[in-house]
Amino acid sequence: MKGTVIQFRRGKTNQIVRHFILDVGAKNRKEASSFIGKSVEWRSSGGKLIRGKITGAHGNKGLVRAVFEKGLPGQALNESIEVK
């Protein structure tokens, strides 16, 4: 299943480097909760693979939070990810 990297998880002044907000196609928080625990993979154009895991829902509109092994580069924003 495909998804999209939306943004770093952040506050007013701080950005959490390994945490990201993803859009996986869920319509509401209840659907997003069904993705908790699934693994996520992002592949760069150069072939580099970074894995992560969905840890929770984010808000009420179907977005999810994911924690990656290493932080994704800024080029990963608005790119696709694979949910397994």
PDB file of N, CA and C in Angstrom:
ATOM      1  N   MET A   1       0.842  -1.172   0.000  1.00  0.00           N
ATOM      2  CA  MET A   1       0.000   0.000   0.000  1.00  0.00           C
ATOM      3  C   MET A   1       0.888   1.236   0.000  1.00  0.00           C
ATOM      4  N   LYS A   2       0.488   2.232  -0.734  1.00  0.00           N
ATOM      5  CA  LYS A   2       1.268   3.465  -0.855  1.00  0.00           C
ATOM      6  C   LYS A   2       0.777   4.520   0.132  1.00  0.00           C
ATOM      7  N   GLY A   3       1.653   5.422   0.478  1.00  0.00           N
ATOM      8  CA  GLY A   3       1.342   6.558   1.327  1.00  0.00           C
ATOM      9  C   GLY A   3       2.230   7.730   0.931  1.00  0.00           C
ATOM     10  N   THR A   4       2.100   8.828   1.672  1.00  0.00           N
ATOM     11  CA  THR A   4       2.871  10.031   1.377  1.00  0.00           C
ATOM     12  C   THR A   4       3.450  10.608   2.656  1.00  0.00           C
ATOM     13  N   VAL A   5       4.694  11.068   2.602  1.00  0.00           N
ATOM     14  CA  VAL A   5       5.317  11.766   3.725  1.00  0.00           C
ATOM     15  C   VAL A   5       4.787  13.203   3.709  1.00  0.00           C
ATOM     16  N   ILE A   6       4.164  13.619   4.808  1.00  0.00           N
ATOM     17  CA  ILE A   6       3.569  14.951   4.875  1.00  0.00           C
ATOM     18  C   ILE A   6       4.540  15.967   5.496  1.00  0.00           C
ATOM     19  N   GLN A   7       5.076  15.649   6.682  1.00  0.00           N
ATOM     20  CA  GLN A   7       5.878  16.633   7.408  1.00  0.00           C
ATOM     21  C   GLN A   7       6.633  15.951   8.541  1.00  0.00           C
ATOM     22  N   PHE A   8       7.659  16.606   9.028  1.00  0.00           N
ATOM     23  CA  PHE A   8       8.314  16.193  10.262  1.00  0.00           C
ATOM     24  C   PHE A   8       7.316  16.379  11.399  1.00  0.00           C
ATOM     25  N   ARG A   9       7.437  15.587  12.444  1.00  0.00           N
ATOM     26  CA  ARG A   9       6.656  15.849  13.643  1.00  0.00           C
ATOM     27  C   ARG A   9       7.350  17.001  14.343  1.00  0.00           C
ATOM     28  N   ARG A  10       6.616  18.058  14.649  1.00  0.00           N
ATOM     29  CA  ARG A  10       7.259  19.256  15.169  1.00  0.00           C
ATOM     30  C   ARG A  10       6.330  20.011  16.102  1.00  0.00           C
ATOM     31  N   GLY A  11       6.959  20.861  16.885  1.00  0.00           N
ATOM     32  CA  GLY A  11       6.242  21.793  17.735  1.00  0.00           C
ATOM     33  C   GLY A  11       6.488  23.202  17.236  1.00  0.00           C
ATOM     34  N   LYS A  12       6.245  24.155  18.087  1.00  0.00           N
ATOM     35  CA  LYS A  12       6.429  25.546  17.681  1.00  0.00           C
ATOM     36  C   LYS A  12       7.889  25.857  17.374  1.00  0.00           C
ATOM     37  N   THR A  13       8.799  25.339  18.204  1.00  0.00           N
ATOM     38  CA  THR A  13      10.216  25.648  18.008  1.00  0.00           C
ATOM     39  C   THR A  13      11.082  24.416  17.767  1.00  0.00           C
ATOM     40  N   ASN A  14      10.575  23.228  18.049  1.00  0.00           N
ATOM     41  CA  ASN A  14      11.384  22.013  17.934  1.00  0.00           C
ATOM     42  C   ASN A  14      10.881  21.104  16.825  1.00  0.00           C
ATOM     43  N   GLN A  15      11.819  20.406  16.197  1.00  0.00           N
ATOM     44  CA  GLN A  15      11.500  19.427  15.172  1.00  0.00           C
ATOM     45  C   GLN A  15      12.084  18.100  15.625  1.00  0.00           C
ATOM     46  N   ILE A  16      11.267  17.042  15.632  1.00  0.00           N
ATOM     47  CA  ILE A  16      11.738  15.730  16.054  1.00  0.00           C
ATOM     48  C   ILE A  16      12.211  14.999  14.795  1.00  0.00           C
ATOM     49  N   VAL A  17      13.481  14.713  14.714  1.00  0.00           N
ATOM     50  CA  VAL A  17      14.133  14.312  13.473  1.00  0.00           C
ATOM     51  C   VAL A  17      13.661  12.965  12.952  1.00  0.00           C
ATOM     52  N   ARG A  18      13.449  11.972  13.799  1.00  0.00           N
ATOM     53  CA  ARG A  18      13.100  10.631  13.337  1.00  0.00           C
ATOM     54  C   ARG A  18      11.593  10.408  13.210  1.00  0.00           C
ATOM     55  N   HIS A  19      10.781  11.355  13.663  1.00  0.00           N
ATOM     56  CA  HIS A  19       9.333  11.202  13.660  1.00  0.00           C
ATOM     57  C   HIS A  19       8.729  11.960  12.481  1.00  0.00           C
ATOM     58  N   PHE A  20       7.795  11.315  11.791  1.00  0.00           N
ATOM     59  CA  PHE A  20       7.163  11.923  10.622  1.00  0.00           C
ATOM     60  C   PHE A  20       5.668  11.720  10.661  1.00  0.00           C
ATOM     61  N   ILE A  21       4.959  12.603   9.988  1.00  0.00           N
ATOM     62  CA  ILE A  21       3.521  12.478   9.817  1.00  0.00           C
ATOM     63  C   ILE A  21       3.283  12.003   8.388  1.00  0.00           C
ATOM     64  N   LEU A  22       2.487  10.940   8.260  1.00  0.00           N
ATOM     65  CA  LEU A  22       2.253  10.306   6.968  1.00  0.00           C
ATOM     66  C   LEU A  22       0.762  10.286   6.635  1.00  0.00           C
ATOM     67  N   ASP A  23       0.459  10.335   5.352  1.00  0.00           N
ATOM     68  CA  ASP A  23      -0.904  10.152   4.866  1.00  0.00           C
ATOM     69  C   ASP A  23      -0.954   8.782   4.212  1.00  0.00           C
ATOM     70  N   VAL A  24      -1.745   7.868   4.789  1.00  0.00           N
ATOM     71  CA  VAL A  24      -1.824   6.500   4.269  1.00  0.00           C
ATOM     72  C   VAL A  24      -3.170   6.211   3.608  1.00  0.00           C
ATOM     73  N   GLY A  25      -3.998   7.228   3.435  1.00  0.00           N
ATOM     74  CA  GLY A  25      -5.272   7.046   2.759  1.00  0.00           C
ATOM     75  C   GLY A  25      -6.443   6.762   3.675  1.00  0.00           C
ATOM     76  N   ALA A  26      -6.257   6.857   4.976  1.00  0.00           N
ATOM     77  CA  ALA A  26      -7.362   6.651   5.915  1.00  0.00           C
ATOM     78  C   ALA A  26      -8.240   7.899   5.944  1.00  0.00           C
ATOM     79  N   LYS A  27      -9.521   7.711   6.210  1.00  0.00           N
ATOM     80  CA  LYS A  27     -10.467   8.826   6.196  1.00  0.00           C
ATOM     81  C   LYS A  27     -10.653   9.485   7.557  1.00  0.00           C
ATOM     82  N   ASN A  28     -10.449   8.720   8.639  1.00  0.00           N
ATOM     83  CA  ASN A  28     -10.641   9.271   9.979  1.00  0.00           C
ATOM     84  C   ASN A  28      -9.696   8.583  10.966  1.00  0.00           C
ATOM     85  N   ARG A  29      -9.760   8.990  12.213  1.00  0.00           N
ATOM     86  CA  ARG A  29      -8.858   8.475  13.246  1.00  0.00           C
ATOM     87  C   ARG A  29      -9.034   6.974  13.463  1.00  0.00           C
ATOM     88  N   LYS A  30     -10.259   6.495  13.376  1.00  0.00           N
ATOM     89  CA  LYS A  30     -10.523   5.075  13.597  1.00  0.00           C
ATOM     90  C   LYS A  30      -9.849   4.217  12.525  1.00  0.00           C
ATOM     91  N   GLU A  31      -9.951   4.622  11.263  1.00  0.00           N
ATOM     92  CA  GLU A  31      -9.271   3.896  10.183  1.00  0.00           C
ATOM     93  C   GLU A  31      -7.755   3.994  10.331  1.00  0.00           C
ATOM     94  N   ALA A  32      -7.261   5.167  10.714  1.00  0.00           N
ATOM     95  CA  ALA A  32      -5.813   5.360  10.885  1.00  0.00           C
ATOM     96  C   ALA A  32      -5.271   4.466  11.995  1.00  0.00           C
ATOM     97  N   SER A  33      -6.069   4.222  13.033  1.00  0.00           N
ATOM     98  CA  SER A  33      -5.625   3.380  14.144  1.00  0.00           C
ATOM     99  C   SER A  33      -5.379   1.936  13.706  1.00  0.00           C
ATOM    100  N   SER A  34      -6.004   1.502  12.622  1.00  0.00           N
ATOM    101  CA  SER A  34      -5.799   0.133  12.150  1.00  0.00           C
ATOM    102  C   SER A  34      -4.407  -0.066  11.537  1.00  0.00           C
ATOM    103  N   PHE A  35      -3.698   1.018  11.246  1.00  0.00           N
ATOM    104  CA  PHE A  35      -2.352   0.935  10.670  1.00  0.00           C
ATOM    105  C   PHE A  35      -1.254   0.862  11.738  1.00  0.00           C
ATOM    106  N   ILE A  36      -1.592   1.050  13.001  1.00  0.00           N
ATOM    107  CA  ILE A  36      -0.588   1.058  14.072  1.00  0.00           C
ATOM    108  C   ILE A  36       0.142  -0.282  14.117  1.00  0.00           C
ATOM    109  N   GLY A  37       1.470  -0.217  14.160  1.00  0.00           N
ATOM    110  CA  GLY A  37       2.307  -1.407  14.219  1.00  0.00           C
ATOM    111  C   GLY A  37       2.817  -1.877  12.863  1.00  0.00           C
ATOM    112  N   LYS A  38       2.285  -1.356  11.771  1.00  0.00           N
ATOM    113  CA  LYS A  38       2.745  -1.764  10.447  1.00  0.00           C
ATOM    114  C   LYS A  38       4.079  -1.091  10.128  1.00  0.00           C
ATOM    115  N   SER A  39       4.869  -1.754   9.301  1.00  0.00           N
ATOM    116  CA  SER A  39       6.168  -1.204   8.937  1.00  0.00           C
ATOM    117  C   SER A  39       6.043  -0.322   7.700  1.00  0.00           C
ATOM    118  N   VAL A  40       6.974   0.609   7.576  1.00  0.00           N
ATOM    119  CA  VAL A  40       6.982   1.600   6.507  1.00  0.00           C
ATOM    120  C   VAL A  40       8.379   1.632   5.902  1.00  0.00           C
ATOM    121  N   GLU A  41       8.460   1.784   4.570  1.00  0.00           N
ATOM    122  CA  GLU A  41       9.751   1.881   3.898  1.00  0.00           C
ATOM    123  C   GLU A  41       9.759   3.080   2.969  1.00  0.00           C
ATOM    124  N   TRP A  42      10.853   3.827   3.003  1.00  0.00           N
ATOM    125  CA  TRP A  42      11.075   4.926   2.062  1.00  0.00           C
ATOM    126  C   TRP A  42      12.339   4.616   1.287  1.00  0.00           C
ATOM    127  N   ARG A  43      12.257   4.702  -0.038  1.00  0.00           N
ATOM    128  CA  ARG A  43      13.420   4.434  -0.888  1.00  0.00           C
ATOM    129  C   ARG A  43      13.782   5.708  -1.642  1.00  0.00           C
ATOM    130  N   SER A  44      15.062   6.096  -1.540  1.00  0.00           N
ATOM    131  CA  SER A  44      15.529   7.294  -2.237  1.00  0.00           C
ATOM    132  C   SER A  44      15.725   6.999  -3.716  1.00  0.00           C
ATOM    133  N   SER A  45      15.931   8.037  -4.480  1.00  0.00           N
ATOM    134  CA  SER A  45      16.169   7.851  -5.913  1.00  0.00           C
ATOM    135  C   SER A  45      17.489   7.126  -6.158  1.00  0.00           C
ATOM    136  N   GLY A  46      18.406   7.192  -5.204  1.00  0.00           N
ATOM    137  CA  GLY A  46      19.685   6.492  -5.321  1.00  0.00           C
ATOM    138  C   GLY A  46      19.629   5.058  -4.846  1.00  0.00           C
ATOM    139  N   GLY A  47      18.471   4.611  -4.339  1.00  0.00           N
ATOM    140  CA  GLY A  47      18.313   3.230  -3.909  1.00  0.00           C
ATOM    141  C   GLY A  47      18.442   3.007  -2.412  1.00  0.00           C
ATOM    142  N   LYS A  48      18.735   4.033  -1.647  1.00  0.00           N
ATOM    143  CA  LYS A  48      18.879   3.895  -0.207  1.00  0.00           C
ATOM    144  C   LYS A  48      17.517   3.618   0.423  1.00  0.00           C
ATOM    145  N   LEU A  49      17.465   2.648   1.342  1.00  0.00           N
ATOM    146  CA  LEU A  49      16.211   2.235   1.971  1.00  0.00           C
ATOM    147  C   LEU A  49      16.244   2.576   3.458  1.00  0.00           C
ATOM    148  N   ILE A  50      15.220   3.267   3.936  1.00  0.00           N
ATOM    149  CA  ILE A  50      15.089   3.580   5.359  1.00  0.00           C
ATOM    150  C   ILE A  50      13.751   3.039   5.827  1.00  0.00           C
ATOM    151  N   ARG A  51      13.791   2.243   6.886  1.00  0.00           N
ATOM    152  CA  ARG A  51      12.580   1.596   7.413  1.00  0.00           C
ATOM    153  C   ARG A  51      12.088   2.314   8.661  1.00  0.00           C
ATOM    154  N   GLY A  52      10.786   2.188   8.897  1.00  0.00           N
ATOM    155  CA  GLY A  52      10.180   2.764  10.081  1.00  0.00           C
ATOM    156  C   GLY A  52       8.970   1.960  10.498  1.00  0.00           C
ATOM    157  N   LYS A  53       8.266   2.468  11.522  1.00  0.00           N
ATOM    158  CA  LYS A  53       7.105   1.785  12.056  1.00  0.00           C
ATOM    159  C   LYS A  53       6.047   2.817  12.414  1.00  0.00           C
ATOM    160  N   ILE A  54       4.791   2.533  12.108  1.00  0.00           N
ATOM    161  CA  ILE A  54       3.692   3.435  12.447  1.00  0.00           C
ATOM    162  C   ILE A  54       3.376   3.263  13.931  1.00  0.00           C
ATOM    163  N   THR A  55       3.362   4.383  14.654  1.00  0.00           N
ATOM    164  CA  THR A  55       3.197   4.320  16.104  1.00  0.00           C
ATOM    165  C   THR A  55       1.872   4.850  16.608  1.00  0.00           C
ATOM    166  N   GLY A  56       1.147   5.623  15.804  1.00  0.00           N
ATOM    167  CA  GLY A  56      -0.129   6.142  16.285  1.00  0.00           C
ATOM    168  C   GLY A  56      -0.811   7.021  15.266  1.00  0.00           C
ATOM    169  N   ALA A  57      -2.057   7.364  15.574  1.00  0.00           N
ATOM    170  CA  ALA A  57      -2.818   8.276  14.724  1.00  0.00           C
ATOM    171  C   ALA A  57      -2.431   9.706  15.072  1.00  0.00           C
ATOM    172  N   HIS A  58      -2.607  10.603  14.111  1.00  0.00           N
ATOM    173  CA  HIS A  58      -2.277  12.012  14.312  1.00  0.00           C
ATOM    174  C   HIS A  58      -3.495  12.838  13.903  1.00  0.00           C
ATOM    175  N   GLY A  59      -4.207  13.374  14.875  1.00  0.00           N
ATOM    176  CA  GLY A  59      -5.396  14.170  14.575  1.00  0.00           C
ATOM    177  C   GLY A  59      -6.591  13.293  14.231  1.00  0.00           C
ATOM    178  N   ASN A  60      -7.629  13.909  13.691  1.00  0.00           N
ATOM    179  CA  ASN A  60      -8.875  13.206  13.396  1.00  0.00           C
ATOM    180  C   ASN A  60      -9.119  13.009  11.905  1.00  0.00           C
ATOM    181  N   LYS A  61      -8.165  13.343  11.058  1.00  0.00           N
ATOM    182  CA  LYS A  61      -8.390  13.293   9.611  1.00  0.00           C
ATOM    183  C   LYS A  61      -7.659  12.148   8.918  1.00  0.00           C
ATOM    184  N   GLY A  62      -7.207  11.154   9.668  1.00  0.00           N
ATOM    185  CA  GLY A  62      -6.644   9.962   9.049  1.00  0.00           C
ATOM    186  C   GLY A  62      -5.140   9.955   8.860  1.00  0.00           C
ATOM    187  N   LEU A  63      -4.430  10.910   9.414  1.00  0.00           N
ATOM    188  CA  LEU A  63      -2.972  10.901   9.316  1.00  0.00           C
ATOM    189  C   LEU A  63      -2.394  10.027  10.423  1.00  0.00           C
ATOM    190  N   VAL A  64      -1.174   9.529  10.214  1.00  0.00           N
ATOM    191  CA  VAL A  64      -0.515   8.686  11.216  1.00  0.00           C
ATOM    192  C   VAL A  64       0.885   9.210  11.497  1.00  0.00           C
ATOM    193  N   ARG A  65       1.415   8.836  12.671  1.00  0.00           N
ATOM    194  CA  ARG A  65       2.790   9.153  13.044  1.00  0.00           C
ATOM    195  C   ARG A  65       3.633   7.910  12.816  1.00  0.00           C
ATOM    196  N   ALA A  66       4.866   8.120  12.359  1.00  0.00           N
ATOM    197  CA  ALA A  66       5.789   7.009  12.167  1.00  0.00           C
ATOM    198  C   ALA A  66       7.163   7.403  12.688  1.00  0.00           C
ATOM    199  N   VAL A  67       7.872   6.417  13.239  1.00  0.00           N
ATOM    200  CA  VAL A  67       9.238   6.615  13.711  1.00  0.00           C
ATOM    201  C   VAL A  67      10.140   5.780  12.817  1.00  0.00           C
ATOM    202  N   PHE A  68      11.159   6.426  12.238  1.00  0.00           N
ATOM    203  CA  PHE A  68      12.089   5.762  11.324  1.00  0.00           C
ATOM    204  C   PHE A  68      13.391   5.442  12.048  1.00  0.00           C
ATOM    205  N   GLU A  69      14.146   4.445  11.519  1.00  0.00           N
ATOM    206  CA  GLU A  69      15.448   4.063  12.083  1.00  0.00           C
ATOM    207  C   GLU A  69      16.387   5.255  12.113  1.00  0.00           C
ATOM    208  N   LYS A  70      16.469   5.930  10.990  1.00  0.00           N
ATOM    209  CA  LYS A  70      17.272   7.138  10.855  1.00  0.00           C
ATOM    210  C   LYS A  70      16.323   8.209  10.353  1.00  0.00           C
ATOM    211  N   GLY A  71      16.692   9.452  10.536  1.00  0.00           N
ATOM    212  CA  GLY A  71      15.844  10.517  10.028  1.00  0.00           C
ATOM    213  C   GLY A  71      15.840  10.544   8.510  1.00  0.00           C
ATOM    214  N   LEU A  72      14.697  10.854   7.929  1.00  0.00           N
ATOM    215  CA  LEU A  72      14.621  10.997   6.482  1.00  0.00           C
ATOM    216  C   LEU A  72      15.172  12.356   6.086  1.00  0.00           C
ATOM    217  N   PRO A  73      15.734  12.477   4.897  1.00  0.00           N
ATOM    218  CA  PRO A  73      16.207  13.782   4.437  1.00  0.00           C
ATOM    219  C   PRO A  73      15.023  14.673   4.063  1.00  0.00           C
ATOM    220  N   GLY A  74      15.275  15.952   3.938  1.00  0.00           N
ATOM    221  CA  GLY A  74      14.229  16.894   3.574  1.00  0.00           C
ATOM    222  C   GLY A  74      13.629  16.601   2.207  1.00  0.00           C
ATOM    223  N   GLN A  75      14.395  15.945   1.324  1.00  0.00           N
ATOM    224  CA  GLN A  75      13.894  15.607  -0.003  1.00  0.00           C
ATOM    225  C   GLN A  75      12.765  14.582   0.058  1.00  0.00           C
ATOM    226  N   ALA A  76      12.582  13.917   1.198  1.00  0.00           N
ATOM    227  CA  ALA A  76      11.542  12.890   1.322  1.00  0.00           C
ATOM    228  C   ALA A  76      10.154  13.490   1.497  1.00  0.00           C
ATOM    229  N   LEU A  77      10.066  14.768   1.832  1.00  0.00           N
ATOM    230  CA  LEU A  77       8.759  15.387   2.015  1.00  0.00           C
ATOM    231  C   LEU A  77       7.971  15.349   0.708  1.00  0.00           C
ATOM    232  N   ASN A  78       6.718  14.992   0.801  1.00  0.00           N
ATOM    233  CA  ASN A  78       5.786  14.856  -0.323  1.00  0.00           C
ATOM    234  C   ASN A  78       6.146  13.737  -1.282  1.00  0.00           C
ATOM    235  N   GLU A  79       7.018  12.815  -0.866  1.00  0.00           N
ATOM    236  CA  GLU A  79       7.315  11.636  -1.684  1.00  0.00           C
ATOM    237  C   GLU A  79       6.540  10.437  -1.160  1.00  0.00           C
ATOM    238  N   SER A  80       6.488   9.388  -1.951  1.00  0.00           N
ATOM    239  CA  SER A  80       5.706   8.217  -1.573  1.00  0.00           C
ATOM    240  C   SER A  80       6.509   7.281  -0.676  1.00  0.00           C
ATOM    241  N   ILE A  81       5.759   6.531   0.133  1.00  0.00           N
ATOM    242  CA  ILE A  81       6.320   5.506   1.012  1.00  0.00           C
ATOM    243  C   ILE A  81       5.521   4.235   0.802  1.00  0.00           C
ATOM    244  N   GLU A  82       6.078   3.122   1.217  1.00  0.00           N
ATOM    245  CA  GLU A  82       5.407   1.834   1.099  1.00  0.00           C
ATOM    246  C   GLU A  82       5.038   1.341   2.494  1.00  0.00           C
ATOM    247  N   VAL A  83       3.756   1.053   2.711  1.00  0.00           N
ATOM    248  CA  VAL A  83       3.269   0.518   3.994  1.00  0.00           C
ATOM    249  C   VAL A  83       3.106  -0.981   3.813  1.00  0.00           C
ATOM    250  N   LYS A  84       3.717  -1.751   4.720  1.00  0.00           N
ATOM    251  CA  LYS A  84       3.654  -3.221   4.609  1.00  0.00           C
ATOM    252  C   LYS A  84       2.936  -3.816   5.785  1.00  0.00           C
TER     253      LYS A  84
END
